[in-house]
Amino acid sequence: MQLLDDIHTRECRAFANAWQAWRGDELVPRRSNVRLEEIARQLHLVSVIEVISPETARFRLAGSALSQALGIELTGLNYFDFTTPEERGPRIARTQNLVEQPCGSHFIFPIAYSSGRTVQTEILSFPVRPNDPSAPPQIFGISVALENIGMDGTVEEPTQLPLPEGFQFVDIGAGVPTSDMHLAERPTASLSRKQPS
């Protein structure tokens, strides 16, 4: 299955196309090849996580839309802390797989807001290599609500975001992880190195 056929929002499609352009013929783009101006209209939806260790994945940048939805400033916080103790291990495994394989991820995530409404949100992420090999790898991700959330307030439980159902790894050319934890719950999608039309 081709990832671009599975994407729901134009914002995620624009993000995927930009990431494709950044990597060119490489498997994963280097940070120096990332052109944020190419996703200027989506930047408020984009977050960058640095995977520092198996216990720490720090928000280097958090899009204003995500911080507003959660009601907290995310920059500098550990992504792995936004889960229950039971789900911390699978979240760490998924995140480590994204940078070690390397591969992308795509899923639709139901998020409950303080208004009582649950809104489906599309999330797409891809790895980016640092310019300095000793620096931590990064994951660039975009989160797009499939409905208007303007009047819904903040997320009901901002510090306990559960693991999504329907998660899939995206094969960017290096395959996808095999896991005893059954993390991939949908058929794998792929994104070839050929420029999307």
N, C-alpha and C. Protein backbone atom coordinates (compact mmCIF):
# COMPACT_ATOMS: atom_id res chain seq x y z
N MET A 1 0.85 -1.18 0.00
CA MET A 1 0.00 0.00 0.00
C MET A 1 0.89 1.25 0.00
N GLN A 2 0.61 2.18 -0.87
CA GLN A 2 1.35 3.42 -0.92
C GLN A 2 0.80 4.40 0.12
N LEU A 3 1.70 4.99 0.89
CA LEU A 3 1.30 5.90 1.95
C LEU A 3 0.45 7.05 1.43
N LEU A 4 0.84 7.62 0.30
CA LEU A 4 0.13 8.80 -0.21
C LEU A 4 -1.32 8.49 -0.55
N ASP A 5 -1.63 7.21 -0.78
CA ASP A 5 -3.02 6.82 -1.02
C ASP A 5 -3.82 6.72 0.27
N ASP A 6 -3.11 6.65 1.39
CA ASP A 6 -3.74 6.42 2.69
C ASP A 6 -3.86 7.70 3.52
N ILE A 7 -3.25 8.79 3.07
CA ILE A 7 -3.27 10.04 3.82
C ILE A 7 -4.63 10.73 3.65
N HIS A 8 -5.15 11.27 4.74
CA HIS A 8 -6.48 11.88 4.74
C HIS A 8 -6.47 13.40 4.52
N THR A 9 -5.44 14.08 5.01
CA THR A 9 -5.46 15.55 5.01
C THR A 9 -4.44 16.14 4.04
N ARG A 10 -4.77 17.30 3.50
CA ARG A 10 -3.84 17.95 2.58
C ARG A 10 -2.57 18.39 3.31
N GLU A 11 -2.70 18.71 4.61
CA GLU A 11 -1.52 19.13 5.39
C GLU A 11 -0.51 17.99 5.52
N CYS A 12 -1.01 16.78 5.81
CA CYS A 12 -0.11 15.63 5.91
C CYS A 12 0.48 15.29 4.55
N ARG A 13 -0.31 15.44 3.50
CA ARG A 13 0.21 15.18 2.14
C ARG A 13 1.32 16.17 1.79
N ALA A 14 1.12 17.45 2.13
CA ALA A 14 2.15 18.46 1.86
C ALA A 14 3.42 18.16 2.65
N PHE A 15 3.25 17.72 3.89
CA PHE A 15 4.38 17.37 4.74
C PHE A 15 5.15 16.18 4.15
N ALA A 16 4.43 15.14 3.72
CA ALA A 16 5.08 13.97 3.12
C ALA A 16 5.82 14.34 1.85
N ASN A 17 5.24 15.18 1.03
CA ASN A 17 5.90 15.62 -0.21
C ASN A 17 7.15 16.43 0.09
N ALA A 18 7.09 17.29 1.11
CA ALA A 18 8.26 18.08 1.48
C ALA A 18 9.38 17.18 1.99
N TRP A 19 9.05 16.21 2.84
CA TRP A 19 10.06 15.30 3.37
C TRP A 19 10.72 14.52 2.23
N GLN A 20 9.92 14.11 1.25
CA GLN A 20 10.45 13.41 0.07
C GLN A 20 11.47 14.29 -0.66
N ALA A 21 11.13 15.56 -0.81
CA ALA A 21 12.04 16.49 -1.51
C ALA A 21 13.32 16.70 -0.70
N TRP A 22 13.20 16.78 0.62
CA TRP A 22 14.38 16.99 1.47
C TRP A 22 15.37 15.83 1.35
N ARG A 23 14.86 14.60 1.25
CA ARG A 23 15.79 13.46 1.22
C ARG A 23 16.35 13.21 -0.17
N GLY A 24 15.68 13.63 -1.22
CA GLY A 24 16.19 13.40 -2.56
C GLY A 24 16.44 11.93 -2.80
N ASP A 25 17.69 11.57 -3.10
CA ASP A 25 18.05 10.18 -3.34
C ASP A 25 18.51 9.46 -2.08
N GLU A 26 18.57 10.16 -0.96
CA GLU A 26 19.01 9.55 0.30
C GLU A 26 17.85 8.82 0.96
N LEU A 27 18.19 7.91 1.87
CA LEU A 27 17.16 7.20 2.62
C LEU A 27 16.46 8.14 3.60
N VAL A 28 17.26 8.95 4.30
CA VAL A 28 16.76 9.88 5.31
C VAL A 28 17.44 11.23 5.07
N PRO A 29 16.69 12.34 5.11
CA PRO A 29 17.33 13.64 4.90
C PRO A 29 18.20 14.07 6.08
N ARG A 30 19.23 14.84 5.79
CA ARG A 30 20.01 15.47 6.85
C ARG A 30 19.31 16.78 7.24
N ARG A 31 19.57 17.20 8.47
CA ARG A 31 18.93 18.42 8.96
C ARG A 31 19.25 19.62 8.07
N SER A 32 20.44 19.65 7.49
CA SER A 32 20.83 20.77 6.63
C SER A 32 20.00 20.82 5.35
N ASN A 33 19.36 19.70 4.97
CA ASN A 33 18.54 19.67 3.77
C ASN A 33 17.07 19.99 4.04
N VAL A 34 16.72 20.11 5.32
CA VAL A 34 15.34 20.43 5.69
C VAL A 34 15.08 21.90 5.41
N ARG A 35 14.06 22.17 4.64
CA ARG A 35 13.68 23.55 4.30
C ARG A 35 12.31 23.83 4.92
N LEU A 36 12.33 24.38 6.12
CA LEU A 36 11.07 24.63 6.83
C LEU A 36 10.16 25.60 6.09
N GLU A 37 10.75 26.45 5.27
CA GLU A 37 9.92 27.39 4.51
C GLU A 37 8.99 26.65 3.54
N GLU A 38 9.35 25.42 3.18
CA GLU A 38 8.50 24.63 2.27
C GLU A 38 7.24 24.11 2.97
N ILE A 39 7.25 24.12 4.30
CA ILE A 39 6.05 23.71 5.05
C ILE A 39 5.59 24.85 5.96
N ALA A 40 5.83 26.08 5.52
CA ALA A 40 5.49 27.23 6.36
C ALA A 40 4.01 27.23 6.75
N ARG A 41 3.13 26.82 5.85
CA ARG A 41 1.69 26.83 6.14
C ARG A 41 1.29 25.71 7.09
N GLN A 42 2.14 24.70 7.24
CA GLN A 42 1.85 23.59 8.14
C GLN A 42 2.67 23.65 9.43
N LEU A 43 3.56 24.64 9.57
CA LEU A 43 4.53 24.64 10.66
C LEU A 43 3.88 24.65 12.04
N HIS A 44 2.71 25.27 12.18
CA HIS A 44 2.04 25.29 13.48
C HIS A 44 1.54 23.90 13.89
N LEU A 45 1.55 22.95 12.95
CA LEU A 45 1.10 21.58 13.21
C LEU A 45 2.27 20.61 13.39
N VAL A 46 3.49 21.10 13.20
CA VAL A 46 4.68 20.24 13.15
C VAL A 46 5.43 20.28 14.48
N SER A 47 5.89 19.11 14.89
CA SER A 47 6.75 18.99 16.07
C SER A 47 8.01 18.24 15.70
N VAL A 48 9.09 18.54 16.43
CA VAL A 48 10.37 17.86 16.23
C VAL A 48 10.78 17.26 17.57
N ILE A 49 11.03 15.95 17.56
CA ILE A 49 11.44 15.24 18.77
C ILE A 49 12.85 14.72 18.55
N GLU A 50 13.75 14.99 19.51
CA GLU A 50 15.10 14.44 19.49
C GLU A 50 15.12 13.17 20.32
N VAL A 51 15.55 12.08 19.74
CA VAL A 51 15.60 10.80 20.45
C VAL A 51 16.99 10.68 21.07
N ILE A 52 17.07 11.08 22.34
CA ILE A 52 18.35 11.20 23.03
C ILE A 52 18.83 9.86 23.58
N SER A 53 17.91 9.07 24.11
CA SER A 53 18.24 7.78 24.71
C SER A 53 16.98 6.93 24.74
N PRO A 54 17.07 5.66 25.15
CA PRO A 54 15.86 4.84 25.27
C PRO A 54 14.87 5.35 26.32
N GLU A 55 15.30 6.30 27.14
CA GLU A 55 14.39 6.84 28.15
C GLU A 55 13.98 8.28 27.90
N THR A 56 14.63 8.94 26.95
CA THR A 56 14.38 10.37 26.74
C THR A 56 14.24 10.69 25.26
N ALA A 57 13.11 11.26 24.91
CA ALA A 57 12.87 11.80 23.57
C ALA A 57 12.28 13.19 23.79
N ARG A 58 13.10 14.19 23.62
CA ARG A 58 12.73 15.55 24.00
C ARG A 58 12.12 16.33 22.84
N PHE A 59 11.06 17.07 23.14
CA PHE A 59 10.49 17.98 22.16
C PHE A 59 11.48 19.12 21.92
N ARG A 60 12.06 19.15 20.73
CA ARG A 60 12.95 20.25 20.35
C ARG A 60 12.12 21.43 19.86
N LEU A 61 11.02 21.11 19.20
CA LEU A 61 10.09 22.11 18.69
C LEU A 61 8.69 21.52 18.80
N ALA A 62 7.76 22.32 19.26
CA ALA A 62 6.37 21.87 19.33
C ALA A 62 5.51 22.90 18.62
N GLY A 63 4.79 22.46 17.60
CA GLY A 63 3.92 23.35 16.87
C GLY A 63 2.90 24.00 17.78
N SER A 64 2.57 25.25 17.50
CA SER A 64 1.65 25.99 18.37
C SER A 64 0.29 25.32 18.47
N ALA A 65 -0.17 24.66 17.41
CA ALA A 65 -1.47 23.99 17.46
C ALA A 65 -1.47 22.85 18.46
N LEU A 66 -0.37 22.09 18.52
CA LEU A 66 -0.28 20.98 19.46
C LEU A 66 -0.19 21.49 20.90
N SER A 67 0.63 22.51 21.13
CA SER A 67 0.75 23.07 22.48
C SER A 67 -0.57 23.66 22.95
N GLN A 68 -1.29 24.33 22.06
CA GLN A 68 -2.59 24.89 22.43
C GLN A 68 -3.60 23.79 22.75
N ALA A 69 -3.60 22.72 21.96
CA ALA A 69 -4.54 21.62 22.20
C ALA A 69 -4.28 20.96 23.55
N LEU A 70 -3.00 20.82 23.91
CA LEU A 70 -2.66 20.18 25.19
C LEU A 70 -2.74 21.16 26.36
N GLY A 71 -2.67 22.45 26.06
CA GLY A 71 -2.74 23.45 27.12
C GLY A 71 -1.44 23.62 27.88
N ILE A 72 -0.34 23.12 27.31
CA ILE A 72 0.97 23.26 27.94
C ILE A 72 2.03 23.49 26.86
N GLU A 73 3.13 24.13 27.25
CA GLU A 73 4.26 24.30 26.34
C GLU A 73 5.08 23.01 26.36
N LEU A 74 5.24 22.39 25.21
CA LEU A 74 5.89 21.09 25.13
C LEU A 74 7.40 21.15 24.95
N THR A 75 7.92 22.25 24.43
CA THR A 75 9.34 22.33 24.13
C THR A 75 10.17 22.01 25.37
N GLY A 76 11.09 21.05 25.21
CA GLY A 76 11.96 20.63 26.30
C GLY A 76 11.45 19.45 27.10
N LEU A 77 10.16 19.10 26.95
CA LEU A 77 9.60 18.00 27.72
C LEU A 77 9.89 16.65 27.06
N ASN A 78 9.83 15.58 27.85
CA ASN A 78 10.09 14.23 27.38
C ASN A 78 8.81 13.62 26.83
N TYR A 79 8.82 13.30 25.56
CA TYR A 79 7.66 12.69 24.90
C TYR A 79 7.22 11.41 25.59
N PHE A 80 8.17 10.65 26.12
CA PHE A 80 7.83 9.38 26.76
C PHE A 80 7.05 9.55 28.06
N ASP A 81 7.06 10.74 28.62
CA ASP A 81 6.31 10.98 29.86
C ASP A 81 4.82 11.14 29.61
N PHE A 82 4.42 11.27 28.35
CA PHE A 82 3.00 11.49 28.01
C PHE A 82 2.30 10.16 27.78
N THR A 83 2.41 9.28 28.74
CA THR A 83 1.78 7.97 28.61
C THR A 83 1.64 7.34 29.98
N THR A 84 0.90 6.26 30.03
CA THR A 84 0.75 5.51 31.27
C THR A 84 1.98 4.61 31.45
N PRO A 85 2.25 4.18 32.68
CA PRO A 85 3.40 3.27 32.88
C PRO A 85 3.31 2.00 32.04
N GLU A 86 2.09 1.48 31.83
CA GLU A 86 1.91 0.26 31.07
C GLU A 86 2.24 0.44 29.59
N GLU A 87 2.03 1.64 29.08
CA GLU A 87 2.22 1.88 27.65
C GLU A 87 3.55 2.55 27.33
N ARG A 88 4.34 2.85 28.36
CA ARG A 88 5.62 3.53 28.14
C ARG A 88 6.56 2.65 27.30
N GLY A 89 6.64 1.36 27.63
CA GLY A 89 7.54 0.46 26.89
C GLY A 89 7.21 0.40 25.41
N PRO A 90 5.95 0.13 25.04
CA PRO A 90 5.61 0.12 23.61
C PRO A 90 5.85 1.47 22.92
N ARG A 91 5.61 2.59 23.61
CA ARG A 91 5.87 3.90 23.00
C ARG A 91 7.35 4.09 22.75
N ILE A 92 8.17 3.69 23.71
CA ILE A 92 9.62 3.79 23.52
C ILE A 92 10.06 2.91 22.35
N ALA A 93 9.52 1.69 22.28
CA ALA A 93 9.90 0.77 21.19
C ALA A 93 9.54 1.34 19.83
N ARG A 94 8.34 1.88 19.71
CA ARG A 94 7.93 2.48 18.43
C ARG A 94 8.87 3.62 18.05
N THR A 95 9.15 4.49 19.00
CA THR A 95 9.97 5.67 18.72
C THR A 95 11.39 5.25 18.34
N GLN A 96 11.97 4.31 19.08
CA GLN A 96 13.32 3.84 18.75
C GLN A 96 13.35 3.21 17.36
N ASN A 97 12.30 2.48 17.01
CA ASN A 97 12.24 1.86 15.69
C ASN A 97 12.27 2.89 14.57
N LEU A 98 11.63 4.03 14.79
CA LEU A 98 11.57 5.06 13.74
C LEU A 98 12.95 5.55 13.35
N VAL A 99 13.85 5.68 14.33
CA VAL A 99 15.18 6.20 14.03
C VAL A 99 16.21 5.10 13.77
N GLU A 100 15.99 3.92 14.32
CA GLU A 100 16.98 2.85 14.16
C GLU A 100 16.78 2.05 12.87
N GLN A 101 15.52 1.90 12.41
CA GLN A 101 15.27 1.07 11.23
C GLN A 101 15.92 1.64 9.97
N PRO A 102 15.73 2.90 9.56
CA PRO A 102 14.75 3.90 9.95
C PRO A 102 13.46 3.73 9.13
N CYS A 103 12.37 4.34 9.64
CA CYS A 103 11.08 4.26 8.96
C CYS A 103 10.20 5.41 9.44
N GLY A 104 9.02 5.52 8.84
CA GLY A 104 8.06 6.53 9.27
C GLY A 104 6.92 5.86 10.01
N SER A 105 5.94 6.67 10.41
CA SER A 105 4.73 6.13 11.02
C SER A 105 3.52 6.96 10.61
N HIS A 106 2.35 6.31 10.63
CA HIS A 106 1.11 6.98 10.26
C HIS A 106 -0.02 6.33 11.03
N PHE A 107 -0.90 7.17 11.58
CA PHE A 107 -2.08 6.63 12.27
C PHE A 107 -3.12 7.73 12.45
N ILE A 108 -4.34 7.29 12.71
CA ILE A 108 -5.44 8.18 13.08
C ILE A 108 -5.69 7.96 14.56
N PHE A 109 -5.71 9.05 15.32
CA PHE A 109 -5.74 8.98 16.77
C PHE A 109 -6.97 9.71 17.31
N PRO A 110 -7.87 9.03 18.03
CA PRO A 110 -9.02 9.74 18.61
C PRO A 110 -8.61 10.48 19.87
N ILE A 111 -8.76 11.80 19.87
CA ILE A 111 -8.35 12.63 21.01
C ILE A 111 -9.59 13.23 21.67
N ALA A 112 -9.73 12.99 22.97
CA ALA A 112 -10.87 13.52 23.73
C ALA A 112 -10.53 14.92 24.25
N TYR A 113 -11.45 15.86 24.01
CA TYR A 113 -11.27 17.24 24.45
C TYR A 113 -12.15 17.55 25.66
N SER A 114 -11.83 18.66 26.33
CA SER A 114 -12.57 19.03 27.54
C SER A 114 -14.03 19.33 27.25
N SER A 115 -14.37 19.59 26.00
CA SER A 115 -15.77 19.82 25.62
C SER A 115 -16.59 18.52 25.70
N GLY A 116 -15.91 17.39 25.80
CA GLY A 116 -16.58 16.10 25.78
C GLY A 116 -16.57 15.45 24.41
N ARG A 117 -16.11 16.17 23.40
CA ARG A 117 -16.08 15.64 22.05
C ARG A 117 -14.76 14.92 21.78
N THR A 118 -14.82 13.83 21.04
CA THR A 118 -13.62 13.12 20.62
C THR A 118 -13.40 13.40 19.13
N VAL A 119 -12.20 13.86 18.81
CA VAL A 119 -11.88 14.28 17.45
C VAL A 119 -10.78 13.38 16.89
N GLN A 120 -11.01 12.81 15.73
CA GLN A 120 -10.00 12.01 15.06
C GLN A 120 -8.89 12.93 14.55
N THR A 121 -7.65 12.52 14.79
CA THR A 121 -6.49 13.33 14.42
C THR A 121 -5.50 12.46 13.65
N GLU A 122 -5.07 12.96 12.50
CA GLU A 122 -4.10 12.24 11.67
C GLU A 122 -2.69 12.65 12.07
N ILE A 123 -1.83 11.64 12.28
CA ILE A 123 -0.46 11.90 12.69
C ILE A 123 0.48 11.15 11.76
N LEU A 124 1.47 11.87 11.24
CA LEU A 124 2.44 11.32 10.30
C LEU A 124 3.82 11.78 10.74
N SER A 125 4.79 10.87 10.75
CA SER A 125 6.14 11.26 11.17
C SER A 125 7.20 10.55 10.36
N PHE A 126 8.36 11.22 10.25
CA PHE A 126 9.50 10.69 9.52
C PHE A 126 10.79 11.07 10.24
N PRO A 127 11.84 10.25 10.10
CA PRO A 127 13.12 10.57 10.72
C PRO A 127 13.91 11.60 9.92
N VAL A 128 14.79 12.31 10.64
CA VAL A 128 15.74 13.24 10.04
C VAL A 128 17.08 13.04 10.74
N ARG A 129 18.16 12.92 9.96
CA ARG A 129 19.49 12.74 10.53
C ARG A 129 20.10 14.09 10.89
N PRO A 130 20.81 14.17 12.02
CA PRO A 130 21.48 15.42 12.37
C PRO A 130 22.67 15.66 11.45
N ASN A 131 23.10 16.91 11.35
CA ASN A 131 24.30 17.21 10.57
C ASN A 131 25.54 16.64 11.25
N ASP A 132 25.56 16.71 12.58
CA ASP A 132 26.66 16.19 13.40
C ASP A 132 26.32 14.75 13.78
N PRO A 133 27.12 13.78 13.35
CA PRO A 133 26.80 12.37 13.65
C PRO A 133 26.70 12.06 15.13
N SER A 134 27.30 12.88 15.99
CA SER A 134 27.23 12.63 17.43
C SER A 134 25.95 13.20 18.06
N ALA A 135 25.20 13.98 17.29
CA ALA A 135 23.95 14.56 17.80
C ALA A 135 22.83 13.53 17.71
N PRO A 136 21.78 13.69 18.53
CA PRO A 136 20.68 12.71 18.48
C PRO A 136 19.86 12.82 17.21
N PRO A 137 19.34 11.69 16.71
CA PRO A 137 18.44 11.73 15.55
C PRO A 137 17.15 12.41 15.92
N GLN A 138 16.46 12.91 14.91
CA GLN A 138 15.21 13.62 15.14
C GLN A 138 14.07 12.95 14.40
N ILE A 139 12.87 13.15 14.94
CA ILE A 139 11.65 12.74 14.28
C ILE A 139 10.82 13.99 14.03
N PHE A 140 10.50 14.24 12.78
CA PHE A 140 9.61 15.34 12.41
C PHE A 140 8.21 14.76 12.27
N GLY A 141 7.25 15.33 12.97
CA GLY A 141 5.89 14.82 12.91
C GLY A 141 4.88 15.93 12.72
N ILE A 142 3.75 15.58 12.12
CA ILE A 142 2.66 16.54 11.93
C ILE A 142 1.38 15.92 12.48
N SER A 143 0.58 16.74 13.17
CA SER A 143 -0.69 16.30 13.77
C SER A 143 -1.79 17.20 13.24
N VAL A 144 -2.81 16.60 12.61
CA VAL A 144 -3.87 17.38 11.97
C VAL A 144 -5.23 16.83 12.39
N ALA A 145 -6.03 17.65 13.07
CA ALA A 145 -7.38 17.24 13.44
C ALA A 145 -8.23 17.12 12.18
N LEU A 146 -9.06 16.07 12.10
CA LEU A 146 -9.90 15.87 10.93
C LEU A 146 -11.19 16.68 11.00
N GLU A 147 -11.41 17.36 12.13
CA GLU A 147 -12.57 18.25 12.29
C GLU A 147 -12.10 19.54 12.95
N ASN A 148 -12.93 20.55 12.89
CA ASN A 148 -12.62 21.82 13.54
C ASN A 148 -12.68 21.64 15.05
N ILE A 149 -11.62 22.06 15.76
CA ILE A 149 -11.58 21.93 17.21
C ILE A 149 -11.57 23.29 17.90
N GLY A 150 -11.93 24.32 17.17
CA GLY A 150 -11.83 25.68 17.69
C GLY A 150 -12.57 25.95 18.99
N MET A 151 -13.69 25.28 19.23
CA MET A 151 -14.50 25.54 20.42
C MET A 151 -14.41 24.41 21.45
N ASP A 152 -13.48 23.49 21.27
CA ASP A 152 -13.44 22.31 22.13
C ASP A 152 -12.49 22.43 23.32
N GLY A 153 -11.78 23.54 23.45
CA GLY A 153 -10.86 23.70 24.57
C GLY A 153 -9.63 22.83 24.40
N THR A 154 -9.08 22.38 25.53
CA THR A 154 -7.86 21.59 25.49
C THR A 154 -8.18 20.10 25.58
N VAL A 155 -7.15 19.31 25.37
CA VAL A 155 -7.27 17.86 25.48
C VAL A 155 -7.64 17.50 26.92
N GLU A 156 -8.52 16.52 27.07
CA GLU A 156 -9.04 16.15 28.38
C GLU A 156 -7.94 15.67 29.34
N GLU A 157 -7.05 14.81 28.86
CA GLU A 157 -5.96 14.28 29.68
C GLU A 157 -4.63 14.51 28.95
N PRO A 158 -4.09 15.72 28.99
CA PRO A 158 -2.91 16.03 28.17
C PRO A 158 -1.66 15.25 28.54
N THR A 159 -1.56 14.75 29.77
CA THR A 159 -0.34 14.04 30.15
C THR A 159 -0.49 12.52 30.02
N GLN A 160 -1.62 12.04 29.54
CA GLN A 160 -1.86 10.60 29.44
C GLN A 160 -2.42 10.26 28.06
N LEU A 161 -1.68 10.56 27.02
CA LEU A 161 -2.13 10.24 25.67
C LEU A 161 -1.89 8.76 25.40
N PRO A 162 -2.96 7.97 25.22
CA PRO A 162 -2.78 6.52 25.05
C PRO A 162 -2.17 6.18 23.70
N LEU A 163 -1.66 4.95 23.60
CA LEU A 163 -1.17 4.47 22.32
C LEU A 163 -2.33 4.39 21.33
N PRO A 164 -2.12 4.81 20.10
CA PRO A 164 -3.22 4.77 19.14
C PRO A 164 -3.47 3.37 18.60
N GLU A 165 -4.69 3.10 18.26
CA GLU A 165 -5.00 1.90 17.50
C GLU A 165 -4.80 2.23 16.02
N GLY A 166 -4.59 1.20 15.21
CA GLY A 166 -4.42 1.45 13.79
C GLY A 166 -3.08 2.04 13.43
N PHE A 167 -2.09 1.89 14.31
CA PHE A 167 -0.74 2.38 14.04
C PHE A 167 -0.11 1.57 12.91
N GLN A 168 0.64 2.23 12.05
CA GLN A 168 1.42 1.50 11.04
C GLN A 168 2.76 2.16 10.85
N PHE A 169 3.78 1.33 10.67
CA PHE A 169 5.07 1.84 10.25
C PHE A 169 5.01 2.10 8.75
N VAL A 170 5.80 3.06 8.30
CA VAL A 170 5.88 3.40 6.87
C VAL A 170 7.27 3.03 6.37
N ASP A 171 7.32 2.16 5.39
CA ASP A 171 8.57 1.73 4.79
C ASP A 171 9.08 2.83 3.87
N ILE A 172 10.22 3.42 4.24
CA ILE A 172 10.79 4.49 3.42
C ILE A 172 11.96 3.98 2.56
N GLY A 173 12.17 2.66 2.61
CA GLY A 173 13.23 2.07 1.79
C GLY A 173 14.14 1.13 2.55
N ALA A 174 14.00 1.07 3.88
CA ALA A 174 14.83 0.19 4.70
C ALA A 174 14.01 -0.91 5.37
N GLY A 175 12.79 -1.10 4.91
CA GLY A 175 11.91 -2.08 5.54
C GLY A 175 11.28 -1.51 6.80
N VAL A 176 10.53 -2.35 7.50
CA VAL A 176 9.90 -1.93 8.75
C VAL A 176 10.22 -2.94 9.82
N PRO A 177 10.14 -2.53 11.09
CA PRO A 177 10.48 -3.44 12.19
C PRO A 177 9.55 -4.64 12.25
N THR A 178 10.12 -5.76 12.64
CA THR A 178 9.30 -6.89 13.03
C THR A 178 9.30 -6.86 14.55
N SER A 179 8.17 -7.14 15.15
CA SER A 179 8.08 -6.96 16.59
C SER A 179 7.24 -8.05 17.22
N ASP A 180 7.69 -8.53 18.36
CA ASP A 180 6.91 -9.47 19.15
C ASP A 180 5.80 -8.77 19.90
N MET A 181 5.83 -7.42 19.91
CA MET A 181 4.84 -6.65 20.67
C MET A 181 3.61 -6.35 19.83
N HIS A 182 3.60 -6.80 18.57
CA HIS A 182 2.46 -6.58 17.69
C HIS A 182 2.11 -5.10 17.60
N LEU A 183 3.13 -4.28 17.36
CA LEU A 183 2.90 -2.84 17.33
C LEU A 183 2.23 -2.39 16.04
N ALA A 184 2.55 -3.03 14.94
CA ALA A 184 1.95 -2.61 13.68
C ALA A 184 0.58 -3.28 13.54
N GLU A 185 -0.45 -2.49 13.62
CA GLU A 185 -1.80 -3.02 13.66
C GLU A 185 -2.53 -2.86 12.33
N ARG A 186 -1.90 -2.22 11.35
CA ARG A 186 -2.45 -2.10 10.01
C ARG A 186 -1.39 -2.58 9.04
N PRO A 187 -1.76 -2.93 7.83
CA PRO A 187 -0.75 -3.30 6.85
C PRO A 187 0.25 -2.16 6.67
N THR A 188 1.50 -2.52 6.45
CA THR A 188 2.55 -1.53 6.27
C THR A 188 2.31 -0.69 5.02
N ALA A 189 2.55 0.60 5.14
CA ALA A 189 2.52 1.50 3.98
C ALA A 189 3.96 1.74 3.53
N SER A 190 4.13 2.22 2.32
CA SER A 190 5.47 2.52 1.85
C SER A 190 5.50 3.87 1.15
N LEU A 191 6.67 4.46 1.14
CA LEU A 191 6.90 5.74 0.48
C LEU A 191 8.20 5.58 -0.29
N SER A 192 8.08 5.41 -1.61
CA SER A 192 9.27 5.20 -2.43
C SER A 192 10.06 6.47 -2.56
N ARG A 193 11.31 6.31 -2.98
CA ARG A 193 12.18 7.47 -3.13
C ARG A 193 11.87 8.29 -4.37
N LYS A 194 11.08 7.72 -5.25
CA LYS A 194 10.68 8.47 -6.43
C LYS A 194 9.81 9.65 -6.00
N GLN A 195 10.08 10.81 -6.58
CA GLN A 195 9.31 11.99 -6.22
C GLN A 195 7.83 11.78 -6.50
N PRO A 196 6.95 12.06 -5.49
CA PRO A 196 5.51 11.89 -5.72
C PRO A 196 5.01 12.90 -6.73
N SER A 197 4.00 12.50 -7.49
CA SER A 197 3.45 13.40 -8.51
C SER A 197 2.31 14.22 -7.93
